[in-house]
Amino acid sequence: MTGQRISADGGMETSYGFRQVNEGEKQTLVNDVFHKVAKRYDIMNDVMSMGMHRVWKDSMIAALNPRKSSDYRVLDVAGGTGDIAFRIVEASDRQAHATVLDINGSMLAVGAERAGKKGLSDNLTFVEANAEDLPFENNSFDAYTIAFGIRNVPRIDVALSEAYRVLKRGGRLLVLEFSEVDLPLLDTVYDTWSFNAIPKFGQMITGDAEPYQYLVESIRKFPNQKDFAAMITKAGFSRVQFTNYTGGIAALHSGWKL
């Protein structure tokens, strides 16, 4: 049922869930998924994580501990709806600046609208671009964050290299992603929930089950914690480590550009 996870050597660029697709085809398919779910994306995160994504994201921001300074610059990638960026700005007492980058314009539109309602527009910049080809100069950001987005990037190694390039010396990478459950009983329960319930909830909430079938399958194909940590190290990062959340349903990976 769960498929075989991709190793640290790559393979996500041709993996669309459990389907193999041609190189270059995945990005279009993934974009279509997020155009379909943009307006209900955060609701579906509640469903997919049983509400725990809010706790995990708060833990991610606590680990980041953003400086309360107008000079503090964060790049939040695949963060279109603004969920992480809003938390970062609020944690900095509305002093930090976050650039929200996403390849999907529908997701960015949702985020920009939400930012306006929250009165955070002055602290945020929304950029439509590809994580594999960031439109920023070297050494531009104090931190790079990405939550539940890295597994949707076709060439993860390229995205990690780009993260390293745009970070300042002493900058930090934080990646929050669904990962490999390391508790046998929880693994069985989570598999049952994921494959039986989540697509049905997707159908009910958005009218389309297929995007959520892909999202569930993509979690099972993503490299496990140790393999992904190895990819981060290979990209040049130091002091790489990860913390499991809720028995490994999600994991927070950290690395530094030293």
C-alpha atoms as a PDB file:
ATOM      1  CA  MET A   1       0.000   0.000   0.000  1.00  0.00           C
ATOM      2  CA  THR A   2       2.654   2.478   1.017  1.00  0.00           C
ATOM      3  CA  GLY A   3       5.011   2.175  -1.951  1.00  0.00           C
ATOM      4  CA  GLN A   4       8.782   2.386  -1.696  1.00  0.00           C
ATOM      5  CA  ARG A   5      10.441   5.528  -0.404  1.00  0.00           C
ATOM      6  CA  ILE A   6      12.895   7.387  -2.589  1.00  0.00           C
ATOM      7  CA  SER A   7      16.477   7.138  -1.367  1.00  0.00           C
ATOM      8  CA  ALA A   8      18.896   9.968  -0.731  1.00  0.00           C
ATOM      9  CA  ASP A   9      20.138   9.506  -4.297  1.00  0.00           C
ATOM     10  CA  GLY A  10      17.031  11.087  -5.777  1.00  0.00           C
ATOM     11  CA  GLY A  11      14.049   9.989  -7.814  1.00  0.00           C
ATOM     12  CA  MET A  12      11.350  12.433  -6.714  1.00  0.00           C
ATOM     13  CA  GLU A  13      11.672  14.288 -10.037  1.00  0.00           C
ATOM     14  CA  THR A  14       9.795  11.445 -11.807  1.00  0.00           C
ATOM     15  CA  SER A  15       7.547  10.391  -8.923  1.00  0.00           C
ATOM     16  CA  TYR A  16       4.008  11.767  -8.958  1.00  0.00           C
ATOM     17  CA  GLY A  17       2.699   9.944  -5.916  1.00  0.00           C
ATOM     18  CA  PHE A  18       2.939   6.249  -6.767  1.00  0.00           C
ATOM     19  CA  ARG A  19       2.929   6.998 -10.510  1.00  0.00           C
ATOM     20  CA  GLN A  20       6.118   7.319 -12.530  1.00  0.00           C
ATOM     21  CA  VAL A  21       6.004  10.269 -14.922  1.00  0.00           C
ATOM     22  CA  ASN A  22       8.399  11.676 -17.471  1.00  0.00           C
ATOM     23  CA  GLU A  23      11.097  14.083 -16.281  1.00  0.00           C
ATOM     24  CA  GLY A  24       9.710  17.602 -16.553  1.00  0.00           C
ATOM     25  CA  GLU A  25       6.092  16.450 -16.270  1.00  0.00           C
ATOM     26  CA  LYS A  26       5.758  16.421 -12.498  1.00  0.00           C
ATOM     27  CA  GLN A  27       5.851  20.184 -11.980  1.00  0.00           C
ATOM     28  CA  THR A  28       2.803  20.745 -14.200  1.00  0.00           C
ATOM     29  CA  LEU A  29       0.861  17.984 -12.441  1.00  0.00           C
ATOM     30  CA  VAL A  30       1.724  19.346  -8.997  1.00  0.00           C
ATOM     31  CA  ASN A  31       0.795  22.887 -10.034  1.00  0.00           C
ATOM     32  CA  ASP A  32      -2.609  21.615 -11.110  1.00  0.00           C
ATOM     33  CA  VAL A  33      -3.113  19.995  -7.699  1.00  0.00           C
ATOM     34  CA  PHE A  34      -2.502  23.257  -5.866  1.00  0.00           C
ATOM     35  CA  HIS A  35      -4.607  25.356  -8.219  1.00  0.00           C
ATOM     36  CA  LYS A  36      -7.467  22.994  -7.333  1.00  0.00           C
ATOM     37  CA  VAL A  37      -6.977  23.050  -3.560  1.00  0.00           C
ATOM     38  CA  ALA A  38      -5.667  26.595  -2.915  1.00  0.00           C
ATOM     39  CA  LYS A  39      -8.791  28.025  -1.277  1.00  0.00           C
ATOM     40  CA  ARG A  40      -9.202  25.002   1.009  1.00  0.00           C
ATOM     41  CA  TYR A  41      -5.545  24.136   1.483  1.00  0.00           C
ATOM     42  CA  ASP A  42      -5.270  25.050   5.164  1.00  0.00           C
ATOM     43  CA  ILE A  43      -8.510  23.215   5.978  1.00  0.00           C
ATOM     44  CA  MET A  44      -7.116  20.104   4.339  1.00  0.00           C
ATOM     45  CA  ASN A  45      -3.896  20.413   6.331  1.00  0.00           C
ATOM     46  CA  ASP A  46      -6.112  20.058   9.394  1.00  0.00           C
ATOM     47  CA  VAL A  47      -7.606  16.908   7.915  1.00  0.00           C
ATOM     48  CA  MET A  48      -4.306  15.388   6.752  1.00  0.00           C
ATOM     49  CA  SER A  49      -2.572  15.986  10.094  1.00  0.00           C
ATOM     50  CA  MET A  50      -5.620  15.532  12.344  1.00  0.00           C
ATOM     51  CA  GLY A  51      -5.105  19.153  13.400  1.00  0.00           C
ATOM     52  CA  MET A  52      -1.530  18.620  14.514  1.00  0.00           C
ATOM     53  CA  HIS A  53       0.032  20.746  11.759  1.00  0.00           C
ATOM     54  CA  ARG A  54      -0.714  23.845  13.835  1.00  0.00           C
ATOM     55  CA  VAL A  55       1.292  22.488  16.780  1.00  0.00           C
ATOM     56  CA  TRP A  56       4.136  21.382  14.506  1.00  0.00           C
ATOM     57  CA  LYS A  57       4.294  24.782  12.801  1.00  0.00           C
ATOM     58  CA  ASP A  58       4.367  26.574  16.151  1.00  0.00           C
ATOM     59  CA  SER A  59       7.249  24.298  17.182  1.00  0.00           C
ATOM     60  CA  MET A  60       9.053  25.159  13.955  1.00  0.00           C
ATOM     61  CA  ILE A  61       8.770  28.885  14.677  1.00  0.00           C
ATOM     62  CA  ALA A  62       9.936  28.342  18.252  1.00  0.00           C
ATOM     63  CA  ALA A  63      12.998  26.520  16.885  1.00  0.00           C
ATOM     64  CA  LEU A  64      13.650  29.360  14.440  1.00  0.00           C
ATOM     65  CA  ASN A  65      13.281  32.000  17.160  1.00  0.00           C
ATOM     66  CA  PRO A  66      13.235  34.919  14.683  1.00  0.00           C
ATOM     67  CA  ARG A  67      15.061  38.066  15.724  1.00  0.00           C
ATOM     68  CA  LYS A  68      12.959  41.072  16.687  1.00  0.00           C
ATOM     69  CA  SER A  69      14.695  43.272  14.127  1.00  0.00           C
ATOM     70  CA  SER A  70      13.697  45.047  10.931  1.00  0.00           C
ATOM     71  CA  ASP A  71      16.931  43.747   9.378  1.00  0.00           C
ATOM     72  CA  TYR A  72      15.879  40.105   9.813  1.00  0.00           C
ATOM     73  CA  ARG A  73      14.973  38.545   6.465  1.00  0.00           C
ATOM     74  CA  VAL A  74      13.310  35.151   6.010  1.00  0.00           C
ATOM     75  CA  LEU A  75      12.514  33.339   2.780  1.00  0.00           C
ATOM     76  CA  ASP A  76       9.516  31.021   3.154  1.00  0.00           C
ATOM     77  CA  VAL A  77       9.357  28.714   0.146  1.00  0.00           C
ATOM     78  CA  ALA A  78       6.213  26.898  -1.014  1.00  0.00           C
ATOM     79  CA  GLY A  79       4.439  29.028   1.558  1.00  0.00           C
ATOM     80  CA  GLY A  80       1.799  30.558  -0.672  1.00  0.00           C
ATOM     81  CA  THR A  81      -1.056  30.835   1.831  1.00  0.00           C
ATOM     82  CA  GLY A  82       1.237  32.591   4.325  1.00  0.00           C
ATOM     83  CA  ASP A  83       0.734  30.239   7.252  1.00  0.00           C
ATOM     84  CA  ILE A  84       4.428  30.062   8.211  1.00  0.00           C
ATOM     85  CA  ALA A  85       5.313  33.630   7.204  1.00  0.00           C
ATOM     86  CA  PHE A  86       2.529  35.086   9.366  1.00  0.00           C
ATOM     87  CA  ARG A  87       3.811  33.141  12.366  1.00  0.00           C
ATOM     88  CA  ILE A  88       7.379  34.341  11.762  1.00  0.00           C
ATOM     89  CA  VAL A  89       6.362  38.001  11.534  1.00  0.00           C
ATOM     90  CA  GLU A  90       4.196  37.767  14.648  1.00  0.00           C
ATOM     91  CA  ALA A  91       6.997  36.013  16.588  1.00  0.00           C
ATOM     92  CA  SER A  92       9.304  38.923  15.723  1.00  0.00           C
ATOM     93  CA  ASP A  93       6.801  41.427  17.145  1.00  0.00           C
ATOM     94  CA  ARG A  94       6.001  42.403  13.548  1.00  0.00           C
ATOM     95  CA  GLN A  95       9.551  43.600  12.919  1.00  0.00           C
ATOM     96  CA  ALA A  96      10.980  40.900  10.633  1.00  0.00           C
ATOM     97  CA  HIS A  97      10.327  40.761   6.908  1.00  0.00           C
ATOM     98  CA  ALA A  98       9.271  37.518   5.218  1.00  0.00           C
ATOM     99  CA  THR A  99       9.379  36.830   1.501  1.00  0.00           C
ATOM    100  CA  VAL A 100       6.786  34.214   0.584  1.00  0.00           C
ATOM    101  CA  LEU A 101       7.783  32.328  -2.547  1.00  0.00           C
ATOM    102  CA  ASP A 102       5.555  29.856  -4.346  1.00  0.00           C
ATOM    103  CA  ILE A 103       5.376  28.527  -7.883  1.00  0.00           C
ATOM    104  CA  ASN A 104       1.582  28.577  -7.716  1.00  0.00           C
ATOM    105  CA  GLY A 105      -0.193  31.890  -8.258  1.00  0.00           C
ATOM    106  CA  SER A 106      -3.475  30.640  -6.801  1.00  0.00           C
ATOM    107  CA  MET A 107      -1.812  29.863  -3.482  1.00  0.00           C
ATOM    108  CA  LEU A 108      -0.060  33.254  -3.437  1.00  0.00           C
ATOM    109  CA  ALA A 109      -3.349  35.044  -4.087  1.00  0.00           C
ATOM    110  CA  VAL A 110      -4.853  33.377  -1.033  1.00  0.00           C
ATOM    111  CA  GLY A 111      -1.822  34.387   1.058  1.00  0.00           C
ATOM    112  CA  ALA A 112      -1.805  38.016  -0.085  1.00  0.00           C
ATOM    113  CA  GLU A 113      -5.508  38.352   0.681  1.00  0.00           C
ATOM    114  CA  ARG A 114      -5.013  36.864   4.144  1.00  0.00           C
ATOM    115  CA  ALA A 115      -2.016  39.139   4.804  1.00  0.00           C
ATOM    116  CA  GLY A 116      -4.140  42.196   4.053  1.00  0.00           C
ATOM    117  CA  LYS A 117      -6.849  41.074   6.450  1.00  0.00           C
ATOM    118  CA  LYS A 118      -4.253  40.499   9.181  1.00  0.00           C
ATOM    119  CA  GLY A 119      -2.605  43.885   8.622  1.00  0.00           C
ATOM    120  CA  LEU A 120       0.724  42.244   7.779  1.00  0.00           C
ATOM    121  CA  SER A 121       1.183  43.390   4.192  1.00  0.00           C
ATOM    122  CA  ASP A 122       4.050  45.762   5.059  1.00  0.00           C
ATOM    123  CA  ASN A 123       6.054  42.852   6.488  1.00  0.00           C
ATOM    124  CA  LEU A 124       5.531  40.489   3.579  1.00  0.00           C
ATOM    125  CA  THR A 125       6.507  40.181  -0.060  1.00  0.00           C
ATOM    126  CA  PHE A 126       4.857  37.571  -2.289  1.00  0.00           C
ATOM    127  CA  VAL A 127       6.914  36.198  -5.168  1.00  0.00           C
ATOM    128  CA  GLU A 128       5.850  33.701  -7.824  1.00  0.00           C
ATOM    129  CA  ALA A 129       8.931  31.658  -8.677  1.00  0.00           C
ATOM    130  CA  ASN A 130      10.442  28.181  -8.663  1.00  0.00           C
ATOM    131  CA  ALA A 131      12.287  26.765  -5.643  1.00  0.00           C
ATOM    132  CA  GLU A 132      14.818  25.273  -8.062  1.00  0.00           C
ATOM    133  CA  ASP A 133      15.718  28.698  -9.496  1.00  0.00           C
ATOM    134  CA  LEU A 134      15.385  31.394  -6.836  1.00  0.00           C
ATOM    135  CA  PRO A 135      15.333  34.984  -8.170  1.00  0.00           C
ATOM    136  CA  PHE A 136      17.560  36.326  -5.380  1.00  0.00           C
ATOM    137  CA  GLU A 137      21.210  37.209  -4.984  1.00  0.00           C
ATOM    138  CA  ASN A 138      23.644  35.097  -3.000  1.00  0.00           C
ATOM    139  CA  ASN A 139      23.688  35.638   0.777  1.00  0.00           C
ATOM    140  CA  SER A 140      20.330  37.444   0.904  1.00  0.00           C
ATOM    141  CA  PHE A 141      18.428  35.827   3.797  1.00  0.00           C
ATOM    142  CA  ASP A 142      18.927  35.062   7.474  1.00  0.00           C
ATOM    143  CA  ALA A 143      16.680  32.001   7.309  1.00  0.00           C
ATOM    144  CA  TYR A 144      15.009  29.736   4.761  1.00  0.00           C
ATOM    145  CA  THR A 145      11.865  27.879   5.780  1.00  0.00           C
ATOM    146  CA  ILE A 146       9.682  25.412   3.913  1.00  0.00           C
ATOM    147  CA  ALA A 147       6.755  23.528   5.447  1.00  0.00           C
ATOM    148  CA  PHE A 148       5.082  20.576   3.734  1.00  0.00           C
ATOM    149  CA  GLY A 149       6.410  21.720   0.372  1.00  0.00           C
ATOM    150  CA  ILE A 150       9.800  20.146  -0.278  1.00  0.00           C
ATOM    151  CA  ARG A 151       8.325  16.793  -1.277  1.00  0.00           C
ATOM    152  CA  ASN A 152       6.439  18.510  -4.121  1.00  0.00           C
ATOM    153  CA  VAL A 153       9.653  19.908  -5.630  1.00  0.00           C
ATOM    154  CA  PRO A 154      10.811  17.673  -8.503  1.00  0.00           C
ATOM    155  CA  ARG A 155      14.569  18.200  -7.996  1.00  0.00           C
ATOM    156  CA  ILE A 156      14.980  18.411  -4.236  1.00  0.00           C
ATOM    157  CA  ASP A 157      18.775  18.463  -4.424  1.00  0.00           C
ATOM    158  CA  VAL A 158      18.647  21.553  -6.658  1.00  0.00           C
ATOM    159  CA  ALA A 159      16.225  23.304  -4.296  1.00  0.00           C
ATOM    160  CA  LEU A 160      18.504  22.590  -1.322  1.00  0.00           C
ATOM    161  CA  SER A 161      21.508  23.958  -3.221  1.00  0.00           C
ATOM    162  CA  GLU A 162      19.520  27.104  -3.998  1.00  0.00           C
ATOM    163  CA  ALA A 163      18.589  27.412  -0.307  1.00  0.00           C
ATOM    164  CA  TYR A 164      22.268  27.253   0.600  1.00  0.00           C
ATOM    165  CA  ARG A 165      23.166  29.853  -2.029  1.00  0.00           C
ATOM    166  CA  VAL A 166      20.672  32.526  -0.927  1.00  0.00           C
ATOM    167  CA  LEU A 167      21.322  32.153   2.799  1.00  0.00           C
ATOM    168  CA  LYS A 168      23.788  34.450   4.520  1.00  0.00           C
ATOM    169  CA  ARG A 169      26.759  32.957   6.318  1.00  0.00           C
ATOM    170  CA  GLY A 170      25.340  31.849   9.662  1.00  0.00           C
ATOM    171  CA  GLY A 171      21.881  31.482   8.116  1.00  0.00           C
ATOM    172  CA  ARG A 172      19.565  28.624   8.980  1.00  0.00           C
ATOM    173  CA  LEU A 173      17.514  26.147   6.979  1.00  0.00           C
ATOM    174  CA  LEU A 174      14.358  24.680   8.542  1.00  0.00           C
ATOM    175  CA  VAL A 175      12.292  22.086   6.693  1.00  0.00           C
ATOM    176  CA  LEU A 176       9.044  20.742   8.162  1.00  0.00           C
ATOM    177  CA  GLU A 177       7.704  17.742   6.257  1.00  0.00           C
ATOM    178  CA  PHE A 178       5.578  14.660   6.654  1.00  0.00           C
ATOM    179  CA  SER A 179       7.970  11.787   7.213  1.00  0.00           C
ATOM    180  CA  GLU A 180       8.295   8.116   8.168  1.00  0.00           C
ATOM    181  CA  VAL A 181       6.341   6.954  11.210  1.00  0.00           C
ATOM    182  CA  ASP A 182       8.614   5.035  13.582  1.00  0.00           C
ATOM    183  CA  LEU A 183       5.950   3.507  15.866  1.00  0.00           C
ATOM    184  CA  PRO A 184       4.468   0.259  14.438  1.00  0.00           C
ATOM    185  CA  LEU A 185       0.924   0.642  15.769  1.00  0.00           C
ATOM    186  CA  LEU A 186       0.762   4.323  14.892  1.00  0.00           C
ATOM    187  CA  ASP A 187       2.088   3.467  11.433  1.00  0.00           C
ATOM    188  CA  THR A 188      -0.846   1.113  10.818  1.00  0.00           C
ATOM    189  CA  VAL A 189      -3.428   3.589  12.103  1.00  0.00           C
ATOM    190  CA  TYR A 190      -1.927   6.437  10.089  1.00  0.00           C
ATOM    191  CA  ASP A 191      -1.834   4.376   6.881  1.00  0.00           C
ATOM    192  CA  THR A 192      -5.482   3.438   7.308  1.00  0.00           C
ATOM    193  CA  TRP A 193      -6.437   7.065   7.972  1.00  0.00           C
ATOM    194  CA  SER A 194      -4.376   8.384   5.067  1.00  0.00           C
ATOM    195  CA  PHE A 195      -5.464   6.050   2.301  1.00  0.00           C
ATOM    196  CA  ASN A 196      -9.078   5.510   3.335  1.00  0.00           C
ATOM    197  CA  ALA A 197     -10.177   8.765   4.943  1.00  0.00           C
ATOM    198  CA  ILE A 198      -8.150  11.655   3.532  1.00  0.00           C
ATOM    199  CA  PRO A 199      -9.169  11.298  -0.146  1.00  0.00           C
ATOM    200  CA  LYS A 200     -12.818  10.985   0.949  1.00  0.00           C
ATOM    201  CA  PHE A 201     -12.553  14.144   3.042  1.00  0.00           C
ATOM    202  CA  GLY A 202     -10.906  15.838   0.070  1.00  0.00           C
ATOM    203  CA  GLN A 203     -13.873  14.889  -2.075  1.00  0.00           C
ATOM    204  CA  MET A 204     -16.282  16.256   0.540  1.00  0.00           C
ATOM    205  CA  ILE A 205     -14.425  19.522   1.191  1.00  0.00           C
ATOM    206  CA  THR A 206     -13.147  20.417  -2.278  1.00  0.00           C
ATOM    207  CA  GLY A 207     -15.214  18.206  -4.571  1.00  0.00           C
ATOM    208  CA  ASP A 208     -12.119  16.397  -5.845  1.00  0.00           C
ATOM    209  CA  ALA A 209     -10.422  13.398  -4.238  1.00  0.00           C
ATOM    210  CA  GLU A 210      -7.524  13.048  -6.707  1.00  0.00           C
ATOM    211  CA  PRO A 211      -5.301  15.862  -5.372  1.00  0.00           C
ATOM    212  CA  TYR A 212      -5.437  14.319  -1.903  1.00  0.00           C
ATOM    213  CA  GLN A 213      -4.676  10.854  -3.207  1.00  0.00           C
ATOM    214  CA  TYR A 214      -1.517  12.368  -4.690  1.00  0.00           C
ATOM    215  CA  LEU A 215      -0.632  14.213  -1.475  1.00  0.00           C
ATOM    216  CA  VAL A 216      -1.008  11.028   0.601  1.00  0.00           C
ATOM    217  CA  GLU A 217       1.085   9.011  -1.841  1.00  0.00           C
ATOM    218  CA  SER A 218       3.773  11.703  -2.076  1.00  0.00           C
ATOM    219  CA  ILE A 219       4.338  11.470   1.682  1.00  0.00           C
ATOM    220  CA  ARG A 220       5.113   7.753   1.337  1.00  0.00           C
ATOM    221  CA  LYS A 221       7.580   8.347  -1.504  1.00  0.00           C
ATOM    222  CA  PHE A 222       9.548  11.103   0.236  1.00  0.00           C
ATOM    223  CA  PRO A 223      12.952  10.075   1.676  1.00  0.00           C
ATOM    224  CA  ASN A 224      12.915   9.048   5.320  1.00  0.00           C
ATOM    225  CA  GLN A 225      14.437  11.224   8.019  1.00  0.00           C
ATOM    226  CA  LYS A 226      18.011   9.934   7.760  1.00  0.00           C
ATOM    227  CA  ASP A 227      18.085   9.959   3.968  1.00  0.00           C
ATOM    228  CA  PHE A 228      16.716  13.493   3.797  1.00  0.00           C
ATOM    229  CA  ALA A 229      19.226  14.662   6.415  1.00  0.00           C
ATOM    230  CA  ALA A 230      21.946  13.200   4.189  1.00  0.00           C
ATOM    231  CA  MET A 231      20.626  15.253   1.256  1.00  0.00           C
ATOM    232  CA  ILE A 232      20.779  18.429   3.350  1.00  0.00           C
ATOM    233  CA  THR A 233      24.364  17.662   4.352  1.00  0.00           C
ATOM    234  CA  LYS A 234      25.289  16.969   0.729  1.00  0.00           C
ATOM    235  CA  ALA A 235      23.975  20.440  -0.190  1.00  0.00           C
ATOM    236  CA  GLY A 236      26.642  21.963   2.080  1.00  0.00           C
ATOM    237  CA  PHE A 237      24.807  22.508   5.346  1.00  0.00           C
ATOM    238  CA  SER A 238      26.437  21.943   8.733  1.00  0.00           C
ATOM    239  CA  ARG A 239      25.062  20.746  12.107  1.00  0.00           C
ATOM    240  CA  VAL A 240      22.257  18.931  10.315  1.00  0.00           C
ATOM    241  CA  GLN A 241      19.720  17.297  12.597  1.00  0.00           C
ATOM    242  CA  PHE A 242      16.054  16.396  12.740  1.00  0.00           C
ATOM    243  CA  THR A 243      13.336  16.192  15.370  1.00  0.00           C
ATOM    244  CA  ASN A 244      10.405  13.816  14.980  1.00  0.00           C
ATOM    245  CA  TYR A 245       6.924  15.068  15.774  1.00  0.00           C
ATOM    246  CA  THR A 246       4.068  12.738  16.752  1.00  0.00           C
ATOM    247  CA  GLY A 247       6.002   9.521  16.273  1.00  0.00           C
ATOM    248  CA  GLY A 248       7.547  10.613  12.983  1.00  0.00           C
ATOM    249  CA  ILE A 249       4.329  11.562  11.187  1.00  0.00           C
ATOM    250  CA  ALA A 250       6.216  14.812  10.632  1.00  0.00           C
ATOM    251  CA  ALA A 251       9.833  15.821  11.182  1.00  0.00           C
ATOM    252  CA  LEU A 252      11.620  19.152  11.468  1.00  0.00           C
ATOM    253  CA  HIS A 253      15.021  19.197   9.743  1.00  0.00           C
ATOM    254  CA  SER A 254      17.588  21.870  10.571  1.00  0.00           C
ATOM    255  CA  GLY A 255      20.863  22.893   8.974  1.00  0.00           C
ATOM    256  CA  TRP A 256      23.204  25.888   9.105  1.00  0.00           C
ATOM    257  CA  LYS A 257      25.306  27.644   6.483  1.00  0.00           C
ATOM    258  CA  LEU A 258      28.559  28.052   8.380  1.00  0.00           C
END
